[in-house]
PDB file of N, CA and C in Angstrom:
ATOM      1  N   MET A   1      14.807   2.803-119.265  1.00  0.00           N
ATOM      2  CA  MET A   1      13.332   2.878-119.543  1.00  0.00           C
ATOM      3  C   MET A   1      12.833   1.732-120.525  1.00  0.00           C
ATOM      4  N   TYR A   2      13.871   1.255-121.395  1.00  0.00           N
ATOM      5  CA  TYR A   2      13.372   0.250-122.232  1.00  0.00           C
ATOM      6  C   TYR A   2      12.969  -1.050-121.658  1.00  0.00           C
ATOM      7  N   LYS A   3      13.797  -1.477-120.585  1.00  0.00           N
ATOM      8  CA  LYS A   3      13.291  -2.642-119.762  1.00  0.00           C
ATOM      9  C   LYS A   3      12.054  -2.499-119.098  1.00  0.00           C
ATOM     10  N   ILE A   4      11.771  -1.345-118.573  1.00  0.00           N
ATOM     11  CA  ILE A   4      10.480  -1.118-117.820  1.00  0.00           C
ATOM     12  C   ILE A   4       9.426  -1.225-118.865  1.00  0.00           C
ATOM     13  N   LYS A   5       9.453  -0.553-119.990  1.00  0.00           N
ATOM     14  CA  LYS A   5       8.332  -0.601-121.086  1.00  0.00           C
ATOM     15  C   LYS A   5       8.127  -1.916-121.615  1.00  0.00           C
ATOM     16  N   SER A   6       9.148  -2.768-121.518  1.00  0.00           N
ATOM     17  CA  SER A   6       9.017  -4.126-122.182  1.00  0.00           C
ATOM     18  C   SER A   6       8.012  -4.940-121.441  1.00  0.00           C
ATOM     19  N   ILE A   7       7.697  -4.738-120.211  1.00  0.00           N
ATOM     20  CA  ILE A   7       6.804  -5.600-119.452  1.00  0.00           C
ATOM     21  C   ILE A   7       5.424  -4.814-119.236  1.00  0.00           C
ATOM     22  N   LEU A   8       5.242  -3.649-119.792  1.00  0.00           N
ATOM     23  CA  LEU A   8       4.008  -2.974-119.629  1.00  0.00           C
ATOM     24  C   LEU A   8       3.015  -3.422-120.714  1.00  0.00           C
ATOM     25  N   LYS A   9       1.712  -3.181-120.410  1.00  0.00           N
ATOM     26  CA  LYS A   9       0.580  -3.439-121.384  1.00  0.00           C
ATOM     27  C   LYS A   9       0.709  -2.251-122.340  1.00  0.00           C
ATOM     28  N   HIS A  10       0.051  -2.446-123.543  1.00  0.00           N
ATOM     29  CA  HIS A  10       0.054  -1.411-124.590  1.00  0.00           C
ATOM     30  C   HIS A  10      -0.151  -0.061-124.186  1.00  0.00           C
ATOM     31  N   GLY A  11      -1.312   0.093-123.523  1.00  0.00           N
ATOM     32  CA  GLY A  11      -1.640   1.441-123.069  1.00  0.00           C
ATOM     33  C   GLY A  11      -0.721   2.088-122.102  1.00  0.00           C
ATOM     34  N   GLU A  12      -0.233   1.213-121.203  1.00  0.00           N
ATOM     35  CA  GLU A  12       0.789   1.666-120.249  1.00  0.00           C
ATOM     36  C   GLU A  12       2.219   2.037-120.920  1.00  0.00           C
ATOM     37  N   LYS A  13       2.418   1.333-122.022  1.00  0.00           N
ATOM     38  CA  LYS A  13       3.638   1.598-122.780  1.00  0.00           C
ATOM     39  C   LYS A  13       3.524   3.028-123.414  1.00  0.00           C
ATOM     40  N   ASN A  14       2.349   3.302-124.016  1.00  0.00           N
ATOM     41  CA  ASN A  14       2.183   4.608-124.565  1.00  0.00           C
ATOM     42  C   ASN A  14       2.259   5.750-123.614  1.00  0.00           C
ATOM     43  N   TYR A  15       1.734   5.556-122.375  1.00  0.00           N
ATOM     44  CA  TYR A  15       1.744   6.531-121.249  1.00  0.00           C
ATOM     45  C   TYR A  15       3.179   6.768-120.846  1.00  0.00           C
ATOM     46  N   ALA A  16       3.929   5.667-120.686  1.00  0.00           N
ATOM     47  CA  ALA A  16       5.327   5.737-120.291  1.00  0.00           C
ATOM     48  C   ALA A  16       6.180   6.465-121.416  1.00  0.00           C
ATOM     49  N   GLN A  17       5.872   6.241-122.646  1.00  0.00           N
ATOM     50  CA  GLN A  17       6.537   6.861-123.793  1.00  0.00           C
ATOM     51  C   GLN A  17       6.265   8.470-123.779  1.00  0.00           C
ATOM     52  N   GLU A  18       4.990   8.706-123.494  1.00  0.00           N
ATOM     53  CA  GLU A  18       4.677  10.200-123.406  1.00  0.00           C
ATOM     54  C   GLU A  18       5.519  10.903-122.320  1.00  0.00           C
ATOM     55  N   LEU A  19       5.590  10.213-121.163  1.00  0.00           N
ATOM     56  CA  LEU A  19       6.392  10.716-120.055  1.00  0.00           C
ATOM     57  C   LEU A  19       7.810  10.881-120.425  1.00  0.00           C
ATOM     58  N   GLU A  20       8.366   9.843-121.092  1.00  0.00           N
ATOM     59  CA  GLU A  20       9.636   9.929-121.432  1.00  0.00           C
ATOM     60  C   GLU A  20      10.138  11.002-122.481  1.00  0.00           C
ATOM     61  N   ASN A  21       9.123  11.203-123.384  1.00  0.00           N
ATOM     62  CA  ASN A  21       9.293  12.290-124.303  1.00  0.00           C
ATOM     63  C   ASN A  21       9.191  13.641-123.810  1.00  0.00           C
ATOM     64  N   SER A  22       8.514  13.885-122.713  1.00  0.00           N
ATOM     65  CA  SER A  22       8.183  15.228-122.281  1.00  0.00           C
ATOM     66  C   SER A  22       8.926  15.597-121.029  1.00  0.00           C
ATOM     67  N   ILE A  23       9.773  14.753-120.446  1.00  0.00           N
ATOM     68  CA  ILE A  23      10.498  15.137-119.196  1.00  0.00           C
ATOM     69  C   ILE A  23      12.067  14.851-119.476  1.00  0.00           C
ATOM     70  N   ASN A  24      12.737  15.873-119.132  1.00  0.00           N
ATOM     71  CA  ASN A  24      14.185  15.902-119.392  1.00  0.00           C
ATOM     72  C   ASN A  24      14.876  16.324-117.967  1.00  0.00           C
ATOM     73  N   VAL A  25      15.826  15.508-117.547  1.00  0.00           N
ATOM     74  CA  VAL A  25      16.564  15.914-116.418  1.00  0.00           C
ATOM     75  C   VAL A  25      18.022  15.942-116.866  1.00  0.00           C
ATOM     76  N   TYR A  26      18.636  17.148-116.680  1.00  0.00           N
ATOM     77  CA  TYR A  26      19.965  17.577-117.180  1.00  0.00           C
ATOM     78  C   TYR A  26      20.952  17.463-116.136  1.00  0.00           C
ATOM     79  N   SER A  27      20.829  17.833-114.941  1.00  0.00           N
ATOM     80  CA  SER A  27      21.797  17.786-113.933  1.00  0.00           C
ATOM     81  C   SER A  27      21.163  17.731-112.552  1.00  0.00           C
ATOM     82  N   THR A  28      21.719  16.948-111.659  1.00  0.00           N
ATOM     83  CA  THR A  28      21.219  17.052-110.404  1.00  0.00           C
ATOM     84  C   THR A  28      22.263  17.263-109.332  1.00  0.00           C
ATOM     85  N   SER A  29      23.474  17.141-109.643  1.00  0.00           N
ATOM     86  CA  SER A  29      24.643  17.436-108.867  1.00  0.00           C
ATOM     87  C   SER A  29      24.505  16.909-107.283  1.00  0.00           C
ATOM     88  N   GLY A  30      23.841  15.767-107.192  1.00  0.00           N
ATOM     89  CA  GLY A  30      23.729  15.121-105.992  1.00  0.00           C
ATOM     90  C   GLY A  30      22.826  15.828-104.947  1.00  0.00           C
ATOM     91  N   GLN A  31      22.077  16.843-105.290  1.00  0.00           N
ATOM     92  CA  GLN A  31      21.101  17.367-104.328  1.00  0.00           C
ATOM     93  C   GLN A  31      19.594  17.044-104.673  1.00  0.00           C
ATOM     94  N   LYS A  32      18.911  16.894-103.575  1.00  0.00           N
ATOM     95  CA  LYS A  32      17.529  16.522-103.820  1.00  0.00           C
ATOM     96  C   LYS A  32      16.691  17.771-104.052  1.00  0.00           C
ATOM     97  N   ASN A  33      15.824  17.671-104.993  1.00  0.00           N
ATOM     98  CA  ASN A  33      14.971  18.794-105.382  1.00  0.00           C
ATOM     99  C   ASN A  33      13.843  18.790-104.362  1.00  0.00           C
ATOM    100  N   THR A  34      13.398  20.016-103.940  1.00  0.00           N
ATOM    101  CA  THR A  34      12.324  20.060-102.827  1.00  0.00           C
ATOM    102  C   THR A  34      10.909  20.111-103.415  1.00  0.00           C
ATOM    103  N   LEU A  35      10.753  20.120-104.730  1.00  0.00           N
ATOM    104  CA  LEU A  35       9.313  20.279-105.255  1.00  0.00           C
ATOM    105  C   LEU A  35       8.625  18.931-104.854  1.00  0.00           C
ATOM    106  N   ALA A  36       7.468  19.055-104.391  1.00  0.00           N
ATOM    107  CA  ALA A  36       6.694  17.934-103.928  1.00  0.00           C
ATOM    108  C   ALA A  36       6.351  16.986-105.007  1.00  0.00           C
ATOM    109  N   ASP A  37       6.571  15.614-104.864  1.00  0.00           N
ATOM    110  CA  ASP A  37       6.366  14.656-105.840  1.00  0.00           C
ATOM    111  C   ASP A  37       4.946  14.683-106.302  1.00  0.00           C
ATOM    112  N   ASN A  38       4.030  15.069-105.554  1.00  0.00           N
ATOM    113  CA  ASN A  38       2.626  15.025-106.144  1.00  0.00           C
ATOM    114  C   ASN A  38       2.324  16.169-107.265  1.00  0.00           C
ATOM    115  N   VAL A  39       3.080  17.202-107.072  1.00  0.00           N
ATOM    116  CA  VAL A  39       3.051  18.264-108.015  1.00  0.00           C
ATOM    117  C   VAL A  39       3.600  17.758-109.352  1.00  0.00           C
ATOM    118  N   ILE A  40       4.745  17.252-109.279  1.00  0.00           N
ATOM    119  CA  ILE A  40       5.393  16.683-110.475  1.00  0.00           C
ATOM    120  C   ILE A  40       4.525  15.619-111.172  1.00  0.00           C
ATOM    121  N   ALA A  41       3.942  14.721-110.287  1.00  0.00           N
ATOM    122  CA  ALA A  41       3.060  13.747-110.815  1.00  0.00           C
ATOM    123  C   ALA A  41       1.784  14.393-111.466  1.00  0.00           C
ATOM    124  N   ALA A  42       1.239  15.413-110.921  1.00  0.00           N
ATOM    125  CA  ALA A  42       0.067  16.047-111.528  1.00  0.00           C
ATOM    126  C   ALA A  42       0.409  16.649-112.854  1.00  0.00           C
ATOM    127  N   ILE A  43       1.647  17.266-113.024  1.00  0.00           N
ATOM    128  CA  ILE A  43       1.967  17.922-114.199  1.00  0.00           C
ATOM    129  C   ILE A  43       2.259  16.849-115.284  1.00  0.00           C
ATOM    130  N   GLN A  44       2.852  15.688-114.881  1.00  0.00           N
ATOM    131  CA  GLN A  44       3.125  14.597-115.875  1.00  0.00           C
ATOM    132  C   GLN A  44       1.770  14.124-116.304  1.00  0.00           C
ATOM    133  N   THR A  45       0.810  13.914-115.463  1.00  0.00           N
ATOM    134  CA  THR A  45      -0.465  13.380-115.832  1.00  0.00           C
ATOM    135  C   THR A  45      -1.123  14.377-116.817  1.00  0.00           C
ATOM    136  N   ALA A  46      -1.057  15.709-116.569  1.00  0.00           N
ATOM    137  CA  ALA A  46      -1.672  16.665-117.433  1.00  0.00           C
ATOM    138  C   ALA A  46      -0.957  16.700-118.870  1.00  0.00           C
ATOM    139  N   ILE A  47       0.355  16.516-118.721  1.00  0.00           N
ATOM    140  CA  ILE A  47       1.065  16.339-120.077  1.00  0.00           C
ATOM    141  C   ILE A  47       0.570  15.250-120.936  1.00  0.00           C
ATOM    142  N   CYS A  48       0.539  14.031-120.270  1.00  0.00           N
ATOM    143  CA  CYS A  48       0.103  12.798-121.008  1.00  0.00           C
ATOM    144  C   CYS A  48      -1.321  12.854-121.484  1.00  0.00           C
ATOM    145  N   ASN A  49      -2.176  13.529-120.641  1.00  0.00           N
ATOM    146  CA  ASN A  49      -3.493  13.547-120.964  1.00  0.00           C
ATOM    147  C   ASN A  49      -3.942  14.806-121.732  1.00  0.00           C
ATOM    148  N   LYS A  50      -2.935  15.625-122.044  1.00  0.00           N
ATOM    149  CA  LYS A  50      -3.100  16.921-122.844  1.00  0.00           C
ATOM    150  C   LYS A  50      -4.143  17.714-122.154  1.00  0.00           C
ATOM    151  N   ARG A  51      -4.085  17.912-120.855  1.00  0.00           N
ATOM    152  CA  ARG A  51      -5.069  18.667-120.147  1.00  0.00           C
ATOM    153  C   ARG A  51      -4.514  20.067-119.613  1.00  0.00           C
ATOM    154  N   VAL A  52      -5.280  21.034-119.546  1.00  0.00           N
ATOM    155  CA  VAL A  52      -4.870  22.330-119.012  1.00  0.00           C
ATOM    156  C   VAL A  52      -4.829  22.246-117.465  1.00  0.00           C
ATOM    157  N   ILE A  53      -3.961  22.966-116.932  1.00  0.00           N
ATOM    158  CA  ILE A  53      -3.798  23.023-115.379  1.00  0.00           C
ATOM    159  C   ILE A  53      -3.847  24.531-114.947  1.00  0.00           C
ATOM    160  N   SER A  54      -4.129  24.631-113.669  1.00  0.00           N
ATOM    161  CA  SER A  54      -4.073  26.036-113.148  1.00  0.00           C
ATOM    162  C   SER A  54      -2.830  26.081-112.223  1.00  0.00           C
ATOM    163  N   ILE A  55      -2.014  27.242-112.378  1.00  0.00           N
ATOM    164  CA  ILE A  55      -0.900  27.376-111.503  1.00  0.00           C
ATOM    165  C   ILE A  55      -0.936  28.692-110.946  1.00  0.00           C
ATOM    166  N   GLN A  56      -0.177  28.923-109.841  1.00  0.00           N
ATOM    167  CA  GLN A  56      -0.015  30.207-109.140  1.00  0.00           C
ATOM    168  C   GLN A  56       1.277  30.786-109.589  1.00  0.00           C
ATOM    169  N   TYR A  57       1.329  31.778-110.454  1.00  0.00           N
ATOM    170  CA  TYR A  57       2.478  32.448-110.995  1.00  0.00           C
ATOM    171  C   TYR A  57       2.964  33.612-110.228  1.00  0.00           C
ATOM    172  N   PRO A  58       4.270  33.716-109.786  1.00  0.00           N
ATOM    173  CA  PRO A  58       4.712  34.781-108.951  1.00  0.00           C
ATOM    174  C   PRO A  58       4.625  36.082-109.687  1.00  0.00           C
ATOM    175  N   ALA A  59       4.114  37.163-109.246  1.00  0.00           N
ATOM    176  CA  ALA A  59       3.895  38.474-109.911  1.00  0.00           C
ATOM    177  C   ALA A  59       5.096  39.209-109.622  1.00  0.00           C
ATOM    178  N   SER A  60       5.567  40.160-110.443  1.00  0.00           N
ATOM    179  CA  SER A  60       6.786  41.049-110.156  1.00  0.00           C
ATOM    180  C   SER A  60       6.417  42.068-109.244  1.00  0.00           C
ATOM    181  N   GLY A  61       7.417  42.603-108.548  1.00  0.00           N
ATOM    182  CA  GLY A  61       7.346  43.731-107.604  1.00  0.00           C
ATOM    183  C   GLY A  61       6.603  43.415-106.385  1.00  0.00           C
ATOM    184  N   GLY A  62       6.664  42.098-105.900  1.00  0.00           N
ATOM    185  CA  GLY A  62       6.028  41.859-104.640  1.00  0.00           C
ATOM    186  C   GLY A  62       4.479  41.718-104.571  1.00  0.00           C
ATOM    187  N   GLN A  63       3.883  41.743-105.677  1.00  0.00           N
ATOM    188  CA  GLN A  63       2.441  41.734-105.755  1.00  0.00           C
ATOM    189  C   GLN A  63       1.978  40.249-105.446  1.00  0.00           C
ATOM    190  N   GLU A  64       0.579  40.219-105.283  1.00  0.00           N
ATOM    191  CA  GLU A  64       0.128  38.750-105.105  1.00  0.00           C
ATOM    192  C   GLU A  64       0.273  37.917-106.274  1.00  0.00           C
ATOM    193  N   PRO A  65       0.522  36.628-106.141  1.00  0.00           N
ATOM    194  CA  PRO A  65       0.650  35.643-107.284  1.00  0.00           C
ATOM    195  C   PRO A  65      -0.587  35.734-108.137  1.00  0.00           C
ATOM    196  N   GLU A  66      -0.383  35.489-109.381  1.00  0.00           N
ATOM    197  CA  GLU A  66      -1.539  35.441-110.374  1.00  0.00           C
ATOM    198  C   GLU A  66      -1.861  33.891-110.677  1.00  0.00           C
ATOM    199  N   SER A  67      -3.180  33.769-110.807  1.00  0.00           N
ATOM    200  CA  SER A  67      -3.541  32.307-111.213  1.00  0.00           C
ATOM    201  C   SER A  67      -3.541  32.321-112.754  1.00  0.00           C
ATOM    202  N   ARG A  68      -2.852  31.219-113.290  1.00  0.00           N
ATOM    203  CA  ARG A  68      -2.799  31.106-114.776  1.00  0.00           C
ATOM    204  C   ARG A  68      -3.128  29.783-115.207  1.00  0.00           C
ATOM    205  N   MET A  69      -3.868  29.736-116.299  1.00  0.00           N
ATOM    206  CA  MET A  69      -4.238  28.372-116.951  1.00  0.00           C
ATOM    207  C   MET A  69      -3.037  28.117-117.887  1.00  0.00           C
ATOM    208  N   ILE A  70      -2.484  26.850-117.778  1.00  0.00           N
ATOM    209  CA  ILE A  70      -1.313  26.448-118.668  1.00  0.00           C
ATOM    210  C   ILE A  70      -1.775  25.171-119.225  1.00  0.00           C
ATOM    211  N   GLU A  71      -1.366  25.062-120.503  1.00  0.00           N
ATOM    212  CA  GLU A  71      -1.376  23.751-121.263  1.00  0.00           C
ATOM    213  C   GLU A  71       0.141  23.275-121.252  1.00  0.00           C
ATOM    214  N   PRO A  72       0.484  22.390-120.309  1.00  0.00           N
ATOM    215  CA  PRO A  72       1.827  21.873-120.203  1.00  0.00           C
ATOM    216  C   PRO A  72       2.305  21.035-121.370  1.00  0.00           C
ATOM    217  N   ILE A  73       3.469  21.372-121.949  1.00  0.00           N
ATOM    218  CA  ILE A  73       3.988  20.575-122.997  1.00  0.00           C
ATOM    219  C   ILE A  73       5.244  19.717-122.619  1.00  0.00           C
ATOM    220  N   SER A  74       5.969  20.256-121.713  1.00  0.00           N
ATOM    221  CA  SER A  74       7.294  19.625-121.346  1.00  0.00           C
ATOM    222  C   SER A  74       7.698  20.005-119.859  1.00  0.00           C
ATOM    223  N   LEU A  75       8.390  19.066-119.274  1.00  0.00           N
ATOM    224  CA  LEU A  75       8.864  19.470-117.810  1.00  0.00           C
ATOM    225  C   LEU A  75      10.368  19.039-117.926  1.00  0.00           C
ATOM    226  N   GLY A  76      11.133  19.897-117.478  1.00  0.00           N
ATOM    227  CA  GLY A  76      12.494  19.731-117.414  1.00  0.00           C
ATOM    228  C   GLY A  76      13.249  20.110-116.070  1.00  0.00           C
ATOM    229  N   PHE A  77      14.302  19.516-115.747  1.00  0.00           N
ATOM    230  CA  PHE A  77      15.051  19.809-114.611  1.00  0.00           C
ATOM    231  C   PHE A  77      16.434  20.119-114.983  1.00  0.00           C
ATOM    232  N   TYR A  78      16.911  21.415-114.650  1.00  0.00           N
ATOM    233  CA  TYR A  78      18.161  21.889-115.025  1.00  0.00           C
ATOM    234  C   TYR A  78      18.829  22.727-113.996  1.00  0.00           C
ATOM    235  N   GLU A  79      20.056  22.368-113.539  1.00  0.00           N
ATOM    236  CA  GLU A  79      20.661  23.152-112.496  1.00  0.00           C
ATOM    237  C   GLU A  79      19.813  23.452-111.255  1.00  0.00           C
ATOM    238  N   GLN A  80      19.321  22.404-110.730  1.00  0.00           N
ATOM    239  CA  GLN A  80      18.412  22.409-109.536  1.00  0.00           C
ATOM    240  C   GLN A  80      17.178  23.143-109.520  1.00  0.00           C
ATOM    241  N   ASN A  81      16.648  23.365-110.827  1.00  0.00           N
ATOM    242  CA  ASN A  81      15.378  24.087-111.017  1.00  0.00           C
ATOM    243  C   ASN A  81      14.490  23.292-111.934  1.00  0.00           C
ATOM    244  N   TRP A  82      13.243  23.137-111.670  1.00  0.00           N
ATOM    245  CA  TRP A  82      12.314  22.636-112.660  1.00  0.00           C
ATOM    246  C   TRP A  82      11.768  23.693-113.519  1.00  0.00           C
ATOM    247  N   TYR A  83      11.554  23.330-114.759  1.00  0.00           N
ATOM    248  CA  TYR A  83      11.059  24.297-115.778  1.00  0.00           C
ATOM    249  C   TYR A  83       9.803  23.591-116.494  1.00  0.00           C
ATOM    250  N   LEU A  84       8.783  24.346-116.510  1.00  0.00           N
ATOM    251  CA  LEU A  84       7.500  23.906-117.098  1.00  0.00           C
ATOM    252  C   LEU A  84       7.358  24.631-118.402  1.00  0.00           C
ATOM    253  N   ILE A  85       7.221  23.934-119.554  1.00  0.00           N
ATOM    254  CA  ILE A  85       7.161  24.576-120.862  1.00  0.00           C
ATOM    255  C   ILE A  85       5.621  24.405-121.275  1.00  0.00           C
ATOM    256  N   GLY A  86       5.031  25.361-121.702  1.00  0.00           N
ATOM    257  CA  GLY A  86       3.620  25.093-122.088  1.00  0.00           C
ATOM    258  C   GLY A  86       2.979  26.473-122.586  1.00  0.00           C
ATOM    259  N   PHE A  87       1.726  26.365-122.899  1.00  0.00           N
ATOM    260  CA  PHE A  87       1.056  27.421-123.441  1.00  0.00           C
ATOM    261  C   PHE A  87       0.097  28.068-122.467  1.00  0.00           C
ATOM    262  N   ALA A  88       0.249  29.481-122.200  1.00  0.00           N
ATOM    263  CA  ALA A  88      -0.590  30.084-121.278  1.00  0.00           C
ATOM    264  C   ALA A  88      -1.904  30.653-121.905  1.00  0.00           C
ATOM    265  N   GLY A  89      -3.022  30.378-121.227  1.00  0.00           N
ATOM    266  CA  GLY A  89      -4.185  30.826-121.810  1.00  0.00           C
ATOM    267  C   GLY A  89      -4.978  31.911-121.025  1.00  0.00           C
TER     268      GLY A  89
END
């Protein structure tokens, strides 16, 4: 990431640093994750811009998913699963 940031403009460097600080990939074991790239990009943008997003959260007991407003703080990938850390409102 250092080489990439060295050629960016100041504002772009800050954006890249925010992304680097908020996203952690722990293990991929060679398999491709199926989460759509545009969803990850939207969450990354929300983290960097400190914006609240709306997500569909699976309800327990087979009920309909619930819509939740989340202020995303961090995004991580661990053992083939994405984890979104944030505050629910």
